[in-house]
Amino acid sequence: MKCVVKMLSISLAIAVLMVGYVLAEEKTTPKPQTTCPVMGGKIDKNIFADHEGKRVYFCCKGCIPEFQKDPAKYIKKLEDEGVTFEKTSEAGNKESSPVTDASGKQRNACGDCGCDS
């Protein structure tokens, strides 16, 4: 009887360790963006905006102005889904919250003054 209890204890310990390993692996595996944060459609890698060093892809150009109204909202939505963003050269420039659209034009998406420069 002691042998059976010991075997069950060892088996349970191994199972717990394996589950922990699998969960840790899921958290560290980068998840690329596959859906548009605005409309939920499949992304087009040629349509994107950069915000605070993060590149966000969209399904169509019409989603970029909606994203620019509240970039933090859409970035949080993707982060909550576990998306890992591609990094851009704008990392660290957080003061004016620049957004670069797919045409390469930078816009200030600060939302405080209503500017679009």
C-alpha atoms as a PDB file:
ATOM      1  CA  MET A   1       0.000   0.000   0.000  1.00  0.00           C
ATOM      2  CA  LYS A   2       2.841   2.401   0.836  1.00  0.00           C
ATOM      3  CA  CYS A   3       4.370   1.667  -2.539  1.00  0.00           C
ATOM      4  CA  VAL A   4       1.150   2.613  -4.351  1.00  0.00           C
ATOM      5  CA  VAL A   5       0.864   5.885  -2.418  1.00  0.00           C
ATOM      6  CA  LYS A   6       4.498   6.684  -3.152  1.00  0.00           C
ATOM      7  CA  MET A   7       4.021   5.998  -6.894  1.00  0.00           C
ATOM      8  CA  LEU A   8       0.887   8.153  -6.990  1.00  0.00           C
ATOM      9  CA  SER A   9       2.713  10.979  -5.215  1.00  0.00           C
ATOM     10  CA  ILE A  10       5.602  10.834  -7.660  1.00  0.00           C
ATOM     11  CA  SER A  11       3.210  10.726 -10.633  1.00  0.00           C
ATOM     12  CA  LEU A  12       1.284  13.721  -9.301  1.00  0.00           C
ATOM     13  CA  ALA A  13       4.488  15.702  -8.774  1.00  0.00           C
ATOM     14  CA  ILE A  14       5.641  14.986 -12.328  1.00  0.00           C
ATOM     15  CA  ALA A  15       2.235  16.018 -13.713  1.00  0.00           C
ATOM     16  CA  VAL A  16       2.309  19.324 -11.803  1.00  0.00           C
ATOM     17  CA  LEU A  17       5.822  20.079 -13.065  1.00  0.00           C
ATOM     18  CA  MET A  18       4.820  19.328 -16.658  1.00  0.00           C
ATOM     19  CA  VAL A  19       1.759  21.597 -16.470  1.00  0.00           C
ATOM     20  CA  GLY A  20       3.906  24.400 -15.034  1.00  0.00           C
ATOM     21  CA  TYR A  21       6.438  23.976 -17.831  1.00  0.00           C
ATOM     22  CA  VAL A  22       3.726  24.092 -20.527  1.00  0.00           C
ATOM     23  CA  LEU A  23       2.159  27.236 -19.031  1.00  0.00           C
ATOM     24  CA  ALA A  24       5.548  28.953 -18.775  1.00  0.00           C
ATOM     25  CA  GLU A  25       6.304  28.045 -22.403  1.00  0.00           C
ATOM     26  CA  GLU A  26       3.004  29.571 -23.586  1.00  0.00           C
ATOM     27  CA  LYS A  27       3.807  32.884 -21.888  1.00  0.00           C
ATOM     28  CA  THR A  28       7.270  33.170 -23.444  1.00  0.00           C
ATOM     29  CA  THR A  29       6.357  32.190 -26.993  1.00  0.00           C
ATOM     30  CA  PRO A  30       5.841  35.360 -29.062  1.00  0.00           C
ATOM     31  CA  LYS A  31       2.420  35.608 -30.670  1.00  0.00           C
ATOM     32  CA  PRO A  32       2.437  37.632 -33.903  1.00  0.00           C
ATOM     33  CA  GLN A  33      -0.466  39.903 -34.760  1.00  0.00           C
ATOM     34  CA  THR A  34      -2.878  38.233 -37.179  1.00  0.00           C
ATOM     35  CA  THR A  35      -6.083  40.273 -36.795  1.00  0.00           C
ATOM     36  CA  CYS A  36      -6.902  43.946 -37.155  1.00  0.00           C
ATOM     37  CA  PRO A  37      -7.489  45.579 -33.747  1.00  0.00           C
ATOM     38  CA  VAL A  38     -10.220  47.820 -35.170  1.00  0.00           C
ATOM     39  CA  MET A  39     -12.356  45.570 -37.393  1.00  0.00           C
ATOM     40  CA  GLY A  40     -11.050  42.121 -36.475  1.00  0.00           C
ATOM     41  CA  GLY A  41     -10.259  41.131 -40.061  1.00  0.00           C
ATOM     42  CA  LYS A  42      -7.093  39.468 -41.330  1.00  0.00           C
ATOM     43  CA  ILE A  43      -4.197  41.943 -41.394  1.00  0.00           C
ATOM     44  CA  ASP A  44      -2.415  43.199 -44.490  1.00  0.00           C
ATOM     45  CA  LYS A  45       1.317  43.596 -43.692  1.00  0.00           C
ATOM     46  CA  ASN A  46       1.441  46.576 -46.080  1.00  0.00           C
ATOM     47  CA  ILE A  47      -1.048  48.553 -43.963  1.00  0.00           C
ATOM     48  CA  PHE A  48       0.289  49.612 -40.575  1.00  0.00           C
ATOM     49  CA  ALA A  49       0.884  52.406 -38.097  1.00  0.00           C
ATOM     50  CA  ASP A  50       3.779  52.766 -35.677  1.00  0.00           C
ATOM     51  CA  HIS A  51       3.093  54.011 -32.179  1.00  0.00           C
ATOM     52  CA  GLU A  52       5.620  54.349 -29.346  1.00  0.00           C
ATOM     53  CA  GLY A  53       7.955  51.836 -30.951  1.00  0.00           C
ATOM     54  CA  LYS A  54       5.253  49.280 -31.736  1.00  0.00           C
ATOM     55  CA  ARG A  55       4.087  48.399 -35.246  1.00  0.00           C
ATOM     56  CA  VAL A  56       0.344  47.727 -35.516  1.00  0.00           C
ATOM     57  CA  TYR A  57      -1.121  46.148 -38.661  1.00  0.00           C
ATOM     58  CA  PHE A  58      -4.630  46.644 -40.068  1.00  0.00           C
ATOM     59  CA  CYS A  59      -6.984  44.963 -42.500  1.00  0.00           C
ATOM     60  CA  CYS A  60      -7.536  48.169 -44.524  1.00  0.00           C
ATOM     61  CA  LYS A  61      -6.391  51.799 -44.655  1.00  0.00           C
ATOM     62  CA  GLY A  62      -9.757  52.907 -43.272  1.00  0.00           C
ATOM     63  CA  CYS A  63      -8.834  51.473 -39.853  1.00  0.00           C
ATOM     64  CA  ILE A  64      -5.806  53.728 -39.364  1.00  0.00           C
ATOM     65  CA  PRO A  65      -7.759  56.934 -38.553  1.00  0.00           C
ATOM     66  CA  GLU A  66      -9.864  55.043 -35.996  1.00  0.00           C
ATOM     67  CA  PHE A  67      -6.686  53.653 -34.401  1.00  0.00           C
ATOM     68  CA  GLN A  68      -5.172  57.155 -34.293  1.00  0.00           C
ATOM     69  CA  LYS A  69      -8.089  58.408 -32.193  1.00  0.00           C
ATOM     70  CA  ASP A  70      -7.029  56.159 -29.289  1.00  0.00           C
ATOM     71  CA  PRO A  71      -3.879  54.115 -30.021  1.00  0.00           C
ATOM     72  CA  ALA A  72      -3.491  52.984 -26.394  1.00  0.00           C
ATOM     73  CA  LYS A  73      -6.947  51.365 -26.461  1.00  0.00           C
ATOM     74  CA  TYR A  74      -6.133  49.221 -29.495  1.00  0.00           C
ATOM     75  CA  ILE A  75      -2.617  48.364 -28.338  1.00  0.00           C
ATOM     76  CA  LYS A  76      -3.992  47.230 -24.979  1.00  0.00           C
ATOM     77  CA  LYS A  77      -6.583  45.099 -26.781  1.00  0.00           C
ATOM     78  CA  LEU A  78      -3.838  43.318 -28.735  1.00  0.00           C
ATOM     79  CA  GLU A  79      -1.618  42.972 -25.658  1.00  0.00           C
ATOM     80  CA  ASP A  80      -4.526  41.420 -23.744  1.00  0.00           C
ATOM     81  CA  GLU A  81      -4.744  38.855 -26.565  1.00  0.00           C
ATOM     82  CA  GLY A  82      -1.056  38.061 -26.024  1.00  0.00           C
ATOM     83  CA  VAL A  83       0.205  39.718 -29.211  1.00  0.00           C
ATOM     84  CA  THR A  84       3.918  40.549 -29.342  1.00  0.00           C
ATOM     85  CA  PHE A  85       4.545  43.668 -31.430  1.00  0.00           C
ATOM     86  CA  GLU A  86       7.285  44.203 -33.963  1.00  0.00           C
ATOM     87  CA  LYS A  87       9.603  46.955 -32.726  1.00  0.00           C
ATOM     88  CA  THR A  88      10.146  50.164 -34.693  1.00  0.00           C
ATOM     89  CA  SER A  89      12.705  52.938 -34.525  1.00  0.00           C
ATOM     90  CA  GLU A  90      10.269  55.153 -32.598  1.00  0.00           C
ATOM     91  CA  ALA A  91      10.890  53.311 -29.317  1.00  0.00           C
ATOM     92  CA  GLY A  92      11.404  55.732 -26.476  1.00  0.00           C
ATOM     93  CA  ASN A  93       9.661  58.696 -28.111  1.00  0.00           C
ATOM     94  CA  LYS A  94       6.617  58.763 -25.852  1.00  0.00           C
ATOM     95  CA  GLU A  95       6.177  62.482 -25.283  1.00  0.00           C
ATOM     96  CA  SER A  96       4.272  63.312 -28.453  1.00  0.00           C
ATOM     97  CA  SER A  97       2.947  59.785 -29.067  1.00  0.00           C
ATOM     98  CA  PRO A  98       3.847  59.789 -32.772  1.00  0.00           C
ATOM     99  CA  VAL A  99       1.970  57.531 -35.119  1.00  0.00           C
ATOM    100  CA  THR A 100       3.440  56.697 -38.511  1.00  0.00           C
ATOM    101  CA  ASP A 101       0.867  55.592 -41.030  1.00  0.00           C
ATOM    102  CA  ALA A 102       1.460  53.169 -43.904  1.00  0.00           C
ATOM    103  CA  SER A 103       2.464  56.011 -46.224  1.00  0.00           C
ATOM    104  CA  GLY A 104       5.276  56.927 -43.829  1.00  0.00           C
ATOM    105  CA  LYS A 105       3.661  60.189 -42.718  1.00  0.00           C
ATOM    106  CA  GLN A 106       4.040  60.911 -39.014  1.00  0.00           C
ATOM    107  CA  ARG A 107       1.032  62.184 -37.146  1.00  0.00           C
ATOM    108  CA  ASN A 108       0.709  63.336 -33.570  1.00  0.00           C
ATOM    109  CA  ALA A 109      -1.964  61.192 -31.998  1.00  0.00           C
ATOM    110  CA  CYS A 110      -1.816  62.905 -28.630  1.00  0.00           C
ATOM    111  CA  GLY A 111      -5.560  63.455 -28.495  1.00  0.00           C
ATOM    112  CA  ASP A 112      -5.099  66.497 -26.233  1.00  0.00           C
ATOM    113  CA  CYS A 113      -5.166  69.271 -28.785  1.00  0.00           C
ATOM    114  CA  GLY A 114      -6.841  67.612 -31.767  1.00  0.00           C
ATOM    115  CA  CYS A 115      -3.795  68.148 -33.947  1.00  0.00           C
ATOM    116  CA  ASP A 116      -2.949  65.811 -36.788  1.00  0.00           C
ATOM    117  CA  SER A 117       0.620  66.762 -37.589  1.00  0.00           C
END
